[in-house]
Amino acid sequence: MLQRNTTIAGNDRRNRLKFFLRSPQKFCAGLEGSLPAMVPEFKISPWHIGYHHEDAIRGIRRMSVGRVLCEGELGIVIGRRSRDLTPETAAAHIFGYTCLNDVTSLDILRADPSFLQWTRSKGLDGVSPFGPVIATDLDPAEASVVVRVTGRERQNYPLADMIHDPRAIVAMISQGLTLEPGDIIACGTANGAGTIPKGATVEVEIAGIGVLVNRFE
């Protein structure tokens, strides 16, 4: 697999947004249960971070004291140079889809409460494993993401729950930012993401792609 950069789209799940809105400090007046037409947050991680199916994930433990988070996500693989696309034209620039574990060091992320370290916490060597294959004929609207940690289910959510579909996400990111073949966009996760104990095996499964398996040492 080719990977140039990983672009992470956050806050793009209806159930996760509803979860955030339960907090009085984050409640948006006037929503009355509806969801705003929001633009996802985007972060770019270095090209070298991605590990593959069945690789052992080691490096992140040296920077964290046990608090490492796994987030099962759909990965969009870019197939053509892309800039200033529309959702209608973006489909032709998507090569396929893969499973992705958007691993995060919570210690690094929250070290300074005044400035969250999103890029560094998700950009260390040995994070964001993806695989086992790139599926070129997947319909994301018909698939779900299932995450298991040492056999115990942690997440199970439909990709139809995304506020913006993959074509819209690619189009939004491409506005003023050129995407290249091999770039992978991580589409964000849903409720249920949790910490990974040392020695655990994490599986991220999307029907039509397969099961991404990594052991965290």
N, C-alpha and C. Protein backbone atom coordinates (compact mmCIF):
# COMPACT_ATOMS: atom_id res chain seq x y z
N MET A 1 0.83 -1.20 0.00
CA MET A 1 0.00 0.00 0.00
C MET A 1 0.87 1.25 0.00
N LEU A 2 0.38 2.28 -0.66
CA LEU A 2 1.07 3.56 -0.69
C LEU A 2 0.36 4.51 0.26
N GLN A 3 1.15 5.21 1.06
CA GLN A 3 0.57 6.23 1.92
C GLN A 3 1.46 7.46 1.90
N ARG A 4 0.91 8.59 1.51
CA ARG A 4 1.67 9.84 1.51
C ARG A 4 1.40 10.61 2.79
N ASN A 5 0.16 10.95 3.03
CA ASN A 5 -0.25 11.62 4.25
C ASN A 5 -1.56 11.03 4.73
N THR A 6 -1.81 11.14 6.01
CA THR A 6 -3.11 10.81 6.57
C THR A 6 -3.79 12.10 6.98
N THR A 7 -4.95 12.36 6.43
CA THR A 7 -5.75 13.51 6.82
C THR A 7 -6.92 13.00 7.65
N ILE A 8 -7.11 13.59 8.81
CA ILE A 8 -8.10 13.10 9.76
C ILE A 8 -9.27 14.07 9.82
N ALA A 9 -10.45 13.57 9.58
CA ALA A 9 -11.66 14.39 9.66
C ALA A 9 -12.38 14.06 10.97
N GLY A 10 -12.50 15.03 11.85
CA GLY A 10 -13.12 14.79 13.14
C GLY A 10 -14.53 15.33 13.23
N ASN A 11 -15.26 14.88 14.26
CA ASN A 11 -16.61 15.38 14.53
C ASN A 11 -17.53 15.23 13.33
N ASP A 12 -17.54 14.05 12.73
CA ASP A 12 -18.39 13.84 11.55
C ASP A 12 -19.37 12.69 11.77
N ARG A 13 -19.76 12.45 13.01
CA ARG A 13 -20.71 11.39 13.34
C ARG A 13 -21.90 11.98 14.05
N ARG A 14 -23.09 11.59 13.63
CA ARG A 14 -24.30 12.10 14.28
C ARG A 14 -24.34 11.69 15.74
N ASN A 15 -24.05 10.40 16.03
CA ASN A 15 -24.19 9.98 17.42
C ASN A 15 -23.10 10.58 18.29
N ARG A 16 -21.92 10.82 17.74
CA ARG A 16 -20.86 11.46 18.53
C ARG A 16 -21.19 12.92 18.77
N LEU A 17 -21.73 13.60 17.79
CA LEU A 17 -22.12 15.00 17.97
C LEU A 17 -23.22 15.10 19.01
N LYS A 18 -24.19 14.22 18.97
CA LYS A 18 -25.25 14.23 19.98
C LYS A 18 -24.67 14.00 21.37
N PHE A 19 -23.66 13.13 21.46
CA PHE A 19 -23.02 12.86 22.74
C PHE A 19 -22.38 14.14 23.28
N PHE A 20 -21.67 14.88 22.40
CA PHE A 20 -21.05 16.13 22.83
C PHE A 20 -22.10 17.13 23.28
N LEU A 21 -23.23 17.17 22.59
CA LEU A 21 -24.25 18.17 22.90
C LEU A 21 -24.95 17.92 24.23
N ARG A 22 -24.73 16.75 24.82
CA ARG A 22 -25.32 16.51 26.14
C ARG A 22 -24.64 17.35 27.22
N SER A 23 -23.42 17.82 26.93
CA SER A 23 -22.71 18.66 27.89
C SER A 23 -23.26 20.08 27.84
N PRO A 24 -23.73 20.65 28.98
CA PRO A 24 -24.29 22.01 28.95
C PRO A 24 -23.30 23.03 28.39
N GLN A 25 -21.98 22.81 28.62
CA GLN A 25 -20.99 23.77 28.15
C GLN A 25 -20.89 23.77 26.63
N LYS A 26 -21.30 22.68 25.98
CA LYS A 26 -21.15 22.57 24.53
C LYS A 26 -22.49 22.60 23.81
N PHE A 27 -23.57 22.86 24.54
CA PHE A 27 -24.88 22.85 23.91
C PHE A 27 -25.07 24.08 23.03
N CYS A 28 -25.63 23.88 21.86
CA CYS A 28 -25.89 24.99 20.93
C CYS A 28 -27.35 25.40 21.04
N ALA A 29 -27.61 26.59 21.46
CA ALA A 29 -28.98 27.05 21.66
C ALA A 29 -29.74 27.03 20.35
N GLY A 30 -30.99 26.58 20.41
CA GLY A 30 -31.86 26.61 19.25
C GLY A 30 -31.79 25.37 18.39
N LEU A 31 -30.97 24.39 18.76
CA LEU A 31 -30.89 23.19 17.92
C LEU A 31 -32.17 22.37 17.99
N GLU A 32 -32.75 22.28 19.20
CA GLU A 32 -33.99 21.53 19.38
C GLU A 32 -33.87 20.11 18.81
N GLY A 33 -32.72 19.48 19.06
CA GLY A 33 -32.54 18.10 18.63
C GLY A 33 -32.03 17.92 17.22
N SER A 34 -31.97 19.00 16.43
CA SER A 34 -31.47 18.89 15.07
C SER A 34 -29.96 19.00 15.07
N LEU A 35 -29.33 18.71 13.92
CA LEU A 35 -27.88 18.77 13.81
C LEU A 35 -27.48 19.90 12.89
N PRO A 36 -26.45 20.68 13.25
CA PRO A 36 -26.03 21.80 12.42
C PRO A 36 -25.33 21.33 11.16
N ALA A 37 -25.35 22.17 10.12
CA ALA A 37 -24.63 21.88 8.88
C ALA A 37 -23.18 22.27 9.08
N MET A 38 -22.44 21.43 9.82
CA MET A 38 -21.09 21.77 10.23
C MET A 38 -20.06 21.24 9.24
N VAL A 39 -18.88 21.85 9.28
CA VAL A 39 -17.74 21.38 8.49
C VAL A 39 -16.83 20.62 9.44
N PRO A 40 -16.43 19.39 9.11
CA PRO A 40 -15.57 18.63 10.01
C PRO A 40 -14.24 19.33 10.25
N GLU A 41 -13.64 19.05 11.42
CA GLU A 41 -12.29 19.52 11.69
C GLU A 41 -11.31 18.64 10.92
N PHE A 42 -10.25 19.24 10.40
CA PHE A 42 -9.25 18.48 9.66
C PHE A 42 -7.88 18.65 10.29
N LYS A 43 -7.14 17.54 10.38
CA LYS A 43 -5.76 17.55 10.86
C LYS A 43 -4.95 16.68 9.91
N ILE A 44 -3.69 17.03 9.68
CA ILE A 44 -2.83 16.26 8.78
C ILE A 44 -1.72 15.61 9.59
N SER A 45 -1.53 14.30 9.40
CA SER A 45 -0.48 13.56 10.07
C SER A 45 0.64 13.24 9.09
N PRO A 46 1.87 13.04 9.57
CA PRO A 46 3.00 12.79 8.67
C PRO A 46 2.83 11.52 7.85
N TRP A 47 3.50 11.49 6.71
CA TRP A 47 3.35 10.37 5.77
C TRP A 47 3.90 9.08 6.33
N HIS A 48 4.88 9.14 7.27
CA HIS A 48 5.59 7.94 7.69
C HIS A 48 4.90 7.17 8.80
N ILE A 49 3.77 7.62 9.30
CA ILE A 49 3.24 7.05 10.54
C ILE A 49 2.57 5.70 10.34
N GLY A 50 2.06 5.43 9.15
CA GLY A 50 1.16 4.31 8.99
C GLY A 50 1.83 2.95 9.06
N TYR A 51 1.33 2.08 9.92
CA TYR A 51 1.71 0.68 9.95
C TYR A 51 0.64 -0.12 9.23
N HIS A 52 0.92 -1.37 8.98
CA HIS A 52 0.02 -2.17 8.16
C HIS A 52 -0.60 -3.31 8.95
N HIS A 53 -1.40 -4.07 8.29
CA HIS A 53 -2.07 -5.23 8.87
C HIS A 53 -1.05 -6.18 9.48
N GLU A 54 -1.30 -6.57 10.72
CA GLU A 54 -0.50 -7.53 11.49
C GLU A 54 0.85 -6.99 11.95
N ASP A 55 1.14 -5.70 11.72
CA ASP A 55 2.33 -5.10 12.32
C ASP A 55 2.12 -4.94 13.82
N ALA A 56 3.19 -5.11 14.60
CA ALA A 56 3.13 -4.83 16.04
C ALA A 56 3.35 -3.33 16.25
N ILE A 57 2.52 -2.72 17.07
CA ILE A 57 2.59 -1.28 17.33
C ILE A 57 3.39 -1.08 18.62
N ARG A 58 4.57 -0.46 18.53
CA ARG A 58 5.46 -0.36 19.69
C ARG A 58 5.80 1.08 20.08
N GLY A 59 6.12 1.93 19.12
CA GLY A 59 6.72 3.22 19.41
C GLY A 59 5.92 4.12 20.32
N ILE A 60 4.60 4.09 20.22
CA ILE A 60 3.77 5.03 20.97
C ILE A 60 3.85 4.80 22.47
N ARG A 61 4.19 3.59 22.91
CA ARG A 61 4.26 3.30 24.34
C ARG A 61 5.41 4.06 25.01
N ARG A 62 6.44 4.39 24.28
CA ARG A 62 7.57 5.11 24.87
C ARG A 62 7.20 6.55 25.22
N MET A 63 6.14 7.06 24.60
CA MET A 63 5.73 8.44 24.81
C MET A 63 4.50 8.57 25.69
N SER A 64 3.88 7.46 26.08
CA SER A 64 2.64 7.51 26.83
C SER A 64 2.73 6.60 28.05
N VAL A 65 1.97 6.93 29.07
CA VAL A 65 1.94 6.11 30.27
C VAL A 65 0.63 5.34 30.29
N GLY A 66 0.49 4.43 29.33
CA GLY A 66 -0.65 3.52 29.33
C GLY A 66 -1.91 4.04 28.68
N ARG A 67 -2.02 5.34 28.50
CA ARG A 67 -3.28 5.88 27.98
C ARG A 67 -3.18 6.07 26.46
N VAL A 68 -3.41 4.97 25.77
CA VAL A 68 -3.40 4.97 24.31
C VAL A 68 -4.78 4.57 23.83
N LEU A 69 -5.35 5.36 22.95
CA LEU A 69 -6.73 5.18 22.52
C LEU A 69 -6.78 4.56 21.13
N CYS A 70 -7.70 3.60 20.93
CA CYS A 70 -7.94 3.06 19.59
C CYS A 70 -9.27 3.59 19.07
N GLU A 71 -9.27 3.95 17.78
CA GLU A 71 -10.47 4.49 17.14
C GLU A 71 -10.61 3.83 15.77
N GLY A 72 -11.57 2.94 15.63
CA GLY A 72 -11.80 2.28 14.36
C GLY A 72 -12.50 3.21 13.38
N GLU A 73 -11.95 3.32 12.16
CA GLU A 73 -12.48 4.28 11.20
C GLU A 73 -12.39 3.75 9.77
N LEU A 74 -13.20 4.33 8.91
CA LEU A 74 -13.07 4.11 7.47
C LEU A 74 -11.96 5.00 6.94
N GLY A 75 -11.09 4.43 6.10
CA GLY A 75 -10.06 5.21 5.44
C GLY A 75 -10.37 5.36 3.96
N ILE A 76 -10.38 6.59 3.46
CA ILE A 76 -10.58 6.86 2.03
C ILE A 76 -9.20 6.97 1.38
N VAL A 77 -8.95 6.18 0.35
CA VAL A 77 -7.66 6.20 -0.34
C VAL A 77 -7.81 7.00 -1.64
N ILE A 78 -7.01 8.04 -1.76
CA ILE A 78 -7.06 8.91 -2.94
C ILE A 78 -6.30 8.26 -4.10
N GLY A 79 -6.89 8.33 -5.30
CA GLY A 79 -6.28 7.70 -6.46
C GLY A 79 -5.74 8.67 -7.50
N ARG A 80 -6.18 9.94 -7.44
CA ARG A 80 -5.76 10.93 -8.43
C ARG A 80 -5.49 12.25 -7.74
N ARG A 81 -4.60 13.05 -8.33
CA ARG A 81 -4.38 14.39 -7.77
C ARG A 81 -5.71 15.13 -7.72
N SER A 82 -5.99 15.76 -6.57
CA SER A 82 -7.32 16.31 -6.33
C SER A 82 -7.20 17.71 -5.74
N ARG A 83 -7.91 18.65 -6.33
CA ARG A 83 -7.96 20.01 -5.79
C ARG A 83 -9.25 20.67 -6.24
N ASP A 84 -9.89 21.37 -5.29
CA ASP A 84 -11.09 22.16 -5.56
C ASP A 84 -12.18 21.32 -6.22
N LEU A 85 -12.42 20.15 -5.65
CA LEU A 85 -13.44 19.25 -6.20
C LEU A 85 -14.81 19.60 -5.66
N THR A 86 -15.83 19.08 -6.30
CA THR A 86 -17.20 19.08 -5.79
C THR A 86 -17.51 17.64 -5.37
N PRO A 87 -18.56 17.43 -4.58
CA PRO A 87 -18.94 16.05 -4.26
C PRO A 87 -19.20 15.21 -5.50
N GLU A 88 -19.69 15.84 -6.55
CA GLU A 88 -20.00 15.10 -7.78
C GLU A 88 -18.73 14.66 -8.50
N THR A 89 -17.70 15.49 -8.49
CA THR A 89 -16.45 15.13 -9.17
C THR A 89 -15.51 14.32 -8.28
N ALA A 90 -15.73 14.36 -6.97
CA ALA A 90 -14.81 13.69 -6.04
C ALA A 90 -14.83 12.17 -6.19
N ALA A 91 -15.96 11.61 -6.59
CA ALA A 91 -16.07 10.14 -6.67
C ALA A 91 -15.00 9.55 -7.58
N ALA A 92 -14.67 10.22 -8.67
CA ALA A 92 -13.69 9.70 -9.62
C ALA A 92 -12.27 9.77 -9.08
N HIS A 93 -12.07 10.48 -7.97
CA HIS A 93 -10.73 10.62 -7.38
C HIS A 93 -10.52 9.67 -6.21
N ILE A 94 -11.54 8.93 -5.83
CA ILE A 94 -11.43 7.95 -4.74
C ILE A 94 -11.03 6.61 -5.34
N PHE A 95 -9.83 6.12 -4.98
CA PHE A 95 -9.38 4.82 -5.48
C PHE A 95 -10.10 3.68 -4.77
N GLY A 96 -10.30 3.83 -3.45
CA GLY A 96 -10.97 2.77 -2.70
C GLY A 96 -10.99 3.10 -1.22
N TYR A 97 -11.27 2.08 -0.42
CA TYR A 97 -11.46 2.26 1.02
C TYR A 97 -10.69 1.18 1.78
N THR A 98 -10.29 1.52 3.01
CA THR A 98 -9.57 0.57 3.85
C THR A 98 -9.99 0.75 5.30
N CYS A 99 -9.65 -0.21 6.15
CA CYS A 99 -9.85 -0.09 7.59
C CYS A 99 -8.68 0.70 8.17
N LEU A 100 -8.96 1.52 9.17
CA LEU A 100 -7.91 2.33 9.79
C LEU A 100 -8.15 2.42 11.28
N ASN A 101 -7.07 2.30 12.05
CA ASN A 101 -7.12 2.48 13.50
C ASN A 101 -6.40 3.79 13.82
N ASP A 102 -7.17 4.81 14.12
CA ASP A 102 -6.62 6.15 14.38
C ASP A 102 -6.13 6.21 15.83
N VAL A 103 -4.95 5.64 16.07
CA VAL A 103 -4.39 5.54 17.43
C VAL A 103 -4.00 6.92 17.94
N THR A 104 -4.33 7.19 19.21
CA THR A 104 -4.07 8.50 19.81
C THR A 104 -3.43 8.34 21.17
N SER A 105 -2.39 9.11 21.45
CA SER A 105 -1.80 9.19 22.79
C SER A 105 -2.54 10.26 23.58
N LEU A 106 -3.34 9.84 24.55
CA LEU A 106 -4.10 10.81 25.34
C LEU A 106 -3.18 11.66 26.21
N ASP A 107 -2.06 11.08 26.67
CA ASP A 107 -1.13 11.85 27.50
C ASP A 107 -0.57 13.04 26.73
N ILE A 108 -0.18 12.80 25.48
CA ILE A 108 0.36 13.89 24.67
C ILE A 108 -0.74 14.88 24.29
N LEU A 109 -1.89 14.37 23.93
CA LEU A 109 -3.00 15.24 23.52
C LEU A 109 -3.37 16.24 24.60
N ARG A 110 -3.40 15.79 25.86
CA ARG A 110 -3.91 16.61 26.96
C ARG A 110 -2.81 17.15 27.87
N ALA A 111 -1.56 17.09 27.43
CA ALA A 111 -0.47 17.55 28.29
C ALA A 111 -0.61 19.02 28.64
N ASP A 112 -1.08 19.81 27.70
CA ASP A 112 -1.30 21.24 27.92
C ASP A 112 -2.76 21.54 27.62
N PRO A 113 -3.61 21.68 28.65
CA PRO A 113 -5.04 21.89 28.42
C PRO A 113 -5.36 23.12 27.58
N SER A 114 -4.44 24.07 27.52
CA SER A 114 -4.70 25.30 26.76
C SER A 114 -4.44 25.13 25.27
N PHE A 115 -3.77 24.01 24.88
CA PHE A 115 -3.46 23.80 23.46
C PHE A 115 -3.36 22.30 23.21
N LEU A 116 -4.42 21.71 22.69
CA LEU A 116 -4.44 20.27 22.46
C LEU A 116 -3.49 19.89 21.33
N GLN A 117 -2.66 18.89 21.57
CA GLN A 117 -1.64 18.47 20.61
C GLN A 117 -2.18 17.39 19.67
N TRP A 118 -3.11 17.77 18.80
CA TRP A 118 -3.74 16.79 17.92
C TRP A 118 -2.74 16.15 16.96
N THR A 119 -1.89 16.96 16.33
CA THR A 119 -0.98 16.40 15.33
C THR A 119 0.04 15.47 15.97
N ARG A 120 0.68 15.90 17.06
CA ARG A 120 1.69 15.06 17.69
C ARG A 120 1.07 13.81 18.32
N SER A 121 -0.09 13.95 18.94
CA SER A 121 -0.70 12.80 19.62
C SER A 121 -1.14 11.72 18.64
N LYS A 122 -1.36 12.09 17.37
CA LYS A 122 -1.76 11.13 16.35
C LYS A 122 -0.68 10.93 15.28
N GLY A 123 0.50 11.54 15.48
CA GLY A 123 1.51 11.53 14.44
C GLY A 123 2.81 10.85 14.78
N LEU A 124 2.85 10.06 15.87
CA LEU A 124 4.07 9.36 16.24
C LEU A 124 4.31 8.16 15.33
N ASP A 125 5.57 7.73 15.28
CA ASP A 125 5.88 6.52 14.53
C ASP A 125 5.03 5.35 15.05
N GLY A 126 4.49 4.59 14.13
CA GLY A 126 3.80 3.37 14.51
C GLY A 126 2.35 3.53 14.88
N VAL A 127 1.72 4.63 14.49
CA VAL A 127 0.28 4.77 14.73
C VAL A 127 -0.45 4.75 13.39
N SER A 128 -1.76 4.79 13.46
CA SER A 128 -2.63 4.77 12.28
C SER A 128 -2.38 3.57 11.36
N PRO A 129 -2.36 2.36 11.91
CA PRO A 129 -2.26 1.19 11.01
C PRO A 129 -3.49 1.12 10.12
N PHE A 130 -3.30 0.59 8.91
CA PHE A 130 -4.42 0.46 7.98
C PHE A 130 -4.27 -0.82 7.19
N GLY A 131 -5.38 -1.29 6.62
CA GLY A 131 -5.39 -2.54 5.84
C GLY A 131 -6.67 -3.31 6.17
N PRO A 132 -6.74 -4.59 5.86
CA PRO A 132 -5.69 -5.41 5.24
C PRO A 132 -5.57 -5.20 3.74
N VAL A 133 -6.60 -4.60 3.11
CA VAL A 133 -6.57 -4.38 1.66
C VAL A 133 -7.24 -3.05 1.37
N ILE A 134 -7.17 -2.62 0.12
CA ILE A 134 -7.97 -1.49 -0.36
C ILE A 134 -9.10 -2.07 -1.20
N ALA A 135 -10.33 -1.82 -0.77
CA ALA A 135 -11.50 -2.31 -1.51
C ALA A 135 -11.95 -1.23 -2.49
N THR A 136 -12.04 -1.59 -3.75
CA THR A 136 -12.38 -0.60 -4.78
C THR A 136 -13.86 -0.59 -5.14
N ASP A 137 -14.62 -1.54 -4.60
CA ASP A 137 -16.04 -1.61 -4.96
C ASP A 137 -16.95 -1.53 -3.74
N LEU A 138 -16.46 -0.95 -2.65
CA LEU A 138 -17.25 -0.85 -1.41
C LEU A 138 -18.26 0.28 -1.50
N ASP A 139 -19.48 0.04 -1.01
CA ASP A 139 -20.47 1.09 -0.82
C ASP A 139 -20.49 1.41 0.67
N PRO A 140 -19.83 2.49 1.12
CA PRO A 140 -19.75 2.77 2.55
C PRO A 140 -21.11 2.88 3.23
N ALA A 141 -22.11 3.34 2.51
CA ALA A 141 -23.43 3.52 3.13
C ALA A 141 -24.04 2.20 3.57
N GLU A 142 -23.53 1.09 3.04
CA GLU A 142 -24.07 -0.22 3.39
C GLU A 142 -23.20 -0.96 4.40
N ALA A 143 -22.13 -0.35 4.88
CA ALA A 143 -21.16 -1.05 5.73
C ALA A 143 -21.16 -0.48 7.15
N SER A 144 -20.57 -1.25 8.07
CA SER A 144 -20.41 -0.83 9.46
C SER A 144 -18.97 -1.06 9.89
N VAL A 145 -18.56 -0.34 10.94
CA VAL A 145 -17.24 -0.51 11.54
C VAL A 145 -17.40 -1.22 12.87
N VAL A 146 -16.68 -2.30 13.05
CA VAL A 146 -16.69 -3.06 14.30
C VAL A 146 -15.26 -3.10 14.84
N VAL A 147 -15.09 -2.74 16.12
CA VAL A 147 -13.78 -2.77 16.76
C VAL A 147 -13.82 -3.73 17.94
N ARG A 148 -12.85 -4.62 17.98
CA ARG A 148 -12.71 -5.56 19.10
C ARG A 148 -11.31 -5.43 19.70
N VAL A 149 -11.26 -5.40 21.03
CA VAL A 149 -9.98 -5.37 21.74
C VAL A 149 -9.84 -6.68 22.50
N THR A 150 -8.90 -7.51 22.06
CA THR A 150 -8.70 -8.85 22.60
C THR A 150 -10.03 -9.61 22.67
N GLY A 151 -10.77 -9.55 21.58
CA GLY A 151 -12.00 -10.30 21.44
C GLY A 151 -13.25 -9.63 21.97
N ARG A 152 -13.11 -8.55 22.71
CA ARG A 152 -14.27 -7.86 23.28
C ARG A 152 -14.67 -6.69 22.40
N GLU A 153 -15.95 -6.65 22.01
CA GLU A 153 -16.42 -5.59 21.13
C GLU A 153 -16.43 -4.24 21.85
N ARG A 154 -15.81 -3.25 21.22
CA ARG A 154 -15.76 -1.89 21.76
C ARG A 154 -16.63 -0.92 20.96
N GLN A 155 -16.64 -1.08 19.64
CA GLN A 155 -17.41 -0.19 18.78
C GLN A 155 -18.14 -1.01 17.72
N ASN A 156 -19.30 -0.52 17.34
CA ASN A 156 -20.08 -1.14 16.26
C ASN A 156 -21.04 -0.06 15.76
N TYR A 157 -20.69 0.56 14.64
CA TYR A 157 -21.51 1.67 14.16
C TYR A 157 -21.60 1.65 12.64
N PRO A 158 -22.74 2.09 12.09
CA PRO A 158 -22.91 2.12 10.64
C PRO A 158 -22.23 3.33 10.02
N LEU A 159 -21.62 3.14 8.88
CA LEU A 159 -21.01 4.27 8.18
C LEU A 159 -22.06 5.23 7.62
N ALA A 160 -23.29 4.76 7.52
CA ALA A 160 -24.38 5.66 7.10
C ALA A 160 -24.62 6.75 8.13
N ASP A 161 -24.03 6.61 9.34
CA ASP A 161 -24.18 7.60 10.39
C ASP A 161 -23.33 8.85 10.14
N MET A 162 -22.48 8.82 9.13
CA MET A 162 -21.64 9.98 8.84
C MET A 162 -22.51 11.17 8.41
N ILE A 163 -22.20 12.34 8.94
CA ILE A 163 -22.92 13.55 8.55
C ILE A 163 -22.60 13.89 7.09
N HIS A 164 -21.34 13.74 6.72
CA HIS A 164 -20.89 13.99 5.34
C HIS A 164 -20.40 12.67 4.76
N ASP A 165 -20.84 12.33 3.55
CA ASP A 165 -20.39 11.09 2.94
C ASP A 165 -18.96 11.26 2.41
N PRO A 166 -18.28 10.15 2.04
CA PRO A 166 -16.88 10.25 1.61
C PRO A 166 -16.65 11.24 0.48
N ARG A 167 -17.55 11.32 -0.49
CA ARG A 167 -17.36 12.27 -1.58
C ARG A 167 -17.35 13.71 -1.08
N ALA A 168 -18.25 14.01 -0.16
CA ALA A 168 -18.31 15.36 0.39
C ALA A 168 -17.06 15.68 1.21
N ILE A 169 -16.56 14.69 1.96
CA ILE A 169 -15.35 14.90 2.76
C ILE A 169 -14.16 15.19 1.85
N VAL A 170 -13.99 14.38 0.80
CA VAL A 170 -12.88 14.61 -0.14
C VAL A 170 -13.00 15.99 -0.77
N ALA A 171 -14.20 16.36 -1.17
CA ALA A 171 -14.40 17.66 -1.80
C ALA A 171 -14.04 18.80 -0.84
N MET A 172 -14.46 18.71 0.42
CA MET A 172 -14.17 19.78 1.38
C MET A 172 -12.68 19.91 1.64
N ILE A 173 -11.99 18.77 1.83
CA ILE A 173 -10.56 18.82 2.10
C ILE A 173 -9.80 19.38 0.90
N SER A 174 -10.27 19.09 -0.30
CA SER A 174 -9.55 19.50 -1.52
C SER A 174 -9.66 21.00 -1.81
N GLN A 175 -10.49 21.71 -1.07
CA GLN A 175 -10.62 23.15 -1.30
C GLN A 175 -9.35 23.86 -0.83
N GLY A 176 -8.48 24.20 -1.76
CA GLY A 176 -7.24 24.89 -1.43
C GLY A 176 -6.12 24.00 -0.93
N LEU A 177 -6.36 22.69 -0.83
CA LEU A 177 -5.35 21.74 -0.37
C LEU A 177 -5.29 20.58 -1.36
N THR A 178 -4.18 20.45 -2.06
CA THR A 178 -4.06 19.40 -3.07
C THR A 178 -3.84 18.05 -2.42
N LEU A 179 -4.68 17.09 -2.77
CA LEU A 179 -4.52 15.71 -2.35
C LEU A 179 -3.80 14.94 -3.45
N GLU A 180 -2.93 14.02 -3.05
CA GLU A 180 -2.14 13.26 -4.01
C GLU A 180 -2.50 11.78 -3.94
N PRO A 181 -2.23 11.02 -5.00
CA PRO A 181 -2.48 9.58 -4.97
C PRO A 181 -1.74 8.93 -3.79
N GLY A 182 -2.45 8.09 -3.06
CA GLY A 182 -1.87 7.45 -1.89
C GLY A 182 -2.21 8.12 -0.59
N ASP A 183 -2.72 9.35 -0.62
CA ASP A 183 -3.19 9.99 0.61
C ASP A 183 -4.36 9.19 1.16
N ILE A 184 -4.44 9.12 2.48
CA ILE A 184 -5.53 8.42 3.14
C ILE A 184 -6.26 9.40 4.06
N ILE A 185 -7.57 9.45 3.95
CA ILE A 185 -8.39 10.29 4.81
C ILE A 185 -9.09 9.39 5.82
N ALA A 186 -8.82 9.62 7.10
CA ALA A 186 -9.50 8.90 8.18
C ALA A 186 -10.79 9.65 8.50
N CYS A 187 -11.91 8.95 8.44
CA CYS A 187 -13.22 9.61 8.44
C CYS A 187 -13.80 9.90 9.82
N GLY A 188 -13.04 9.70 10.88
CA GLY A 188 -13.57 9.96 12.20
C GLY A 188 -14.27 8.74 12.77
N THR A 189 -14.46 8.74 14.07
CA THR A 189 -14.99 7.56 14.74
C THR A 189 -16.30 7.89 15.45
N ALA A 190 -16.86 6.89 16.12
CA ALA A 190 -18.12 7.05 16.84
C ALA A 190 -17.90 6.77 18.32
N ASN A 191 -18.97 6.76 19.09
CA ASN A 191 -18.87 6.46 20.51
C ASN A 191 -18.31 5.06 20.72
N GLY A 192 -17.64 4.88 21.85
CA GLY A 192 -17.12 3.56 22.20
C GLY A 192 -15.62 3.45 22.10
N ALA A 193 -14.95 4.46 21.54
CA ALA A 193 -13.49 4.41 21.48
C ALA A 193 -12.94 4.35 22.89
N GLY A 194 -11.91 3.52 23.10
CA GLY A 194 -11.39 3.35 24.45
C GLY A 194 -9.90 3.07 24.45
N THR A 195 -9.32 3.00 25.66
CA THR A 195 -7.89 2.79 25.80
C THR A 195 -7.52 1.35 25.47
N ILE A 196 -6.25 1.18 25.08
CA ILE A 196 -5.73 -0.12 24.68
C ILE A 196 -4.75 -0.60 25.74
N PRO A 197 -5.03 -1.70 26.44
CA PRO A 197 -4.06 -2.23 27.40
C PRO A 197 -2.82 -2.75 26.69
N LYS A 198 -1.69 -2.70 27.36
CA LYS A 198 -0.46 -3.26 26.79
C LYS A 198 -0.65 -4.75 26.54
N GLY A 199 -0.23 -5.20 25.36
CA GLY A 199 -0.37 -6.60 25.00
C GLY A 199 -1.68 -6.95 24.33
N ALA A 200 -2.58 -5.97 24.19
CA ALA A 200 -3.88 -6.24 23.58
C ALA A 200 -3.77 -6.35 22.06
N THR A 201 -4.66 -7.14 21.50
CA THR A 201 -4.79 -7.23 20.05
C THR A 201 -6.06 -6.49 19.64
N VAL A 202 -5.92 -5.54 18.72
CA VAL A 202 -7.06 -4.73 18.28
C VAL A 202 -7.43 -5.13 16.86
N GLU A 203 -8.73 -5.37 16.66
CA GLU A 203 -9.26 -5.70 15.34
C GLU A 203 -10.22 -4.60 14.90
N VAL A 204 -10.04 -4.11 13.70
CA VAL A 204 -10.98 -3.17 13.09
C VAL A 204 -11.54 -3.85 11.85
N GLU A 205 -12.85 -4.08 11.85
CA GLU A 205 -13.48 -4.85 10.77
C GLU A 205 -14.52 -4.01 10.04
N ILE A 206 -14.44 -4.02 8.72
CA ILE A 206 -15.47 -3.44 7.87
C ILE A 206 -15.81 -4.48 6.82
N ALA A 207 -17.06 -4.93 6.82
CA ALA A 207 -17.48 -5.94 5.84
C ALA A 207 -17.26 -5.42 4.43
N GLY A 208 -16.65 -6.23 3.59
CA GLY A 208 -16.31 -5.80 2.25
C GLY A 208 -14.86 -5.38 2.12
N ILE A 209 -14.20 -5.15 3.26
CA ILE A 209 -12.76 -4.85 3.28
C ILE A 209 -12.01 -5.97 3.97
N GLY A 210 -12.46 -6.33 5.16
CA GLY A 210 -11.79 -7.37 5.92
C GLY A 210 -11.54 -6.92 7.34
N VAL A 211 -10.56 -7.55 8.01
CA VAL A 211 -10.25 -7.27 9.40
C VAL A 211 -8.79 -6.83 9.52
N LEU A 212 -8.59 -5.61 10.00
CA LEU A 212 -7.26 -5.09 10.31
C LEU A 212 -6.89 -5.56 11.71
N VAL A 213 -5.75 -6.23 11.86
CA VAL A 213 -5.34 -6.79 13.15
C VAL A 213 -3.96 -6.25 13.52
N ASN A 214 -3.84 -5.71 14.74
CA ASN A 214 -2.55 -5.23 15.24
C ASN A 214 -2.44 -5.51 16.74
N ARG A 215 -1.27 -5.92 17.17
CA ARG A 215 -0.99 -6.12 18.59
C ARG A 215 -0.22 -4.90 19.11
N PHE A 216 -0.61 -4.42 20.28
CA PHE A 216 0.01 -3.24 20.87
C PHE A 216 0.94 -3.68 21.99
N GLU A 217 2.23 -3.40 21.81
CA GLU A 217 3.25 -3.88 22.75
C GLU A 217 3.90 -2.72 23.50
